[in-house]
Amino acid sequence: MTSSSISTMSAAEPLASRREIVAAAVTAAAAAAGTTGSAQAQTLPMLRFFNPPGMSSPPTYSHVVEVNGPHRVVYLAGQTGADATGKIAEGFRAQALQVMENLKTALASVGGGFEHVVKLNSYLTNIEANGAEFREVRGSYFPNKQALPASTLVHVPRLANPAFLLEIEAVAILPPKA
């Protein structure tokens, strides 16, 4: 639907749905970028991980992750220390490893990996006791220190199940589906 067709519509004609407008905009943007059916659609989107001048340079996350180009945004629900059977791992390190393995499985289900994660929100019930161990485990899953996701770490009094010691949710950017 073009702007000229919108302006010439009579009051009796229904307006386009939000979904139709968004779909048209996405199609126009992809066409303008020249990515429809091209080899470019098969490459990773342009991701830029950085700490702007005038801000600190933290060793465990990036302040800014910029995404440009055609891509899929994947939101991962908060993952806990429970395995596929519902069994909760014993102890903080075991739960942290299980959380990361759950994230790994979720990412793999959409064709991704930790290199696609651009944002983490982490919730710990005891940052003072477990913060350093958490950062160590998390760091082992993000070996590229030049492309660390933006990250937030929050102390919470408890999670949905009192046996959970941490929960992590993530946002990933993946190439468009072929």
Foldseek 3Di string as FASTA:
>chain_A
DDPVVVVPDDPVDDDDDPVVVVVVVVVVVCVVVVNVVDPVLVDWWDKAFAEDPVGDDDQQAGQDIDTDDAWDKDKFPKFWQAAPVRDHDPDDLSGLLSQQVVVQVVQVVVPHFPLFWAEKEKEFQCCPVCVVVNSVSVCVRVVPSRRGHHYHYYHDNADPDNVTGMIMITMGIGRDDD
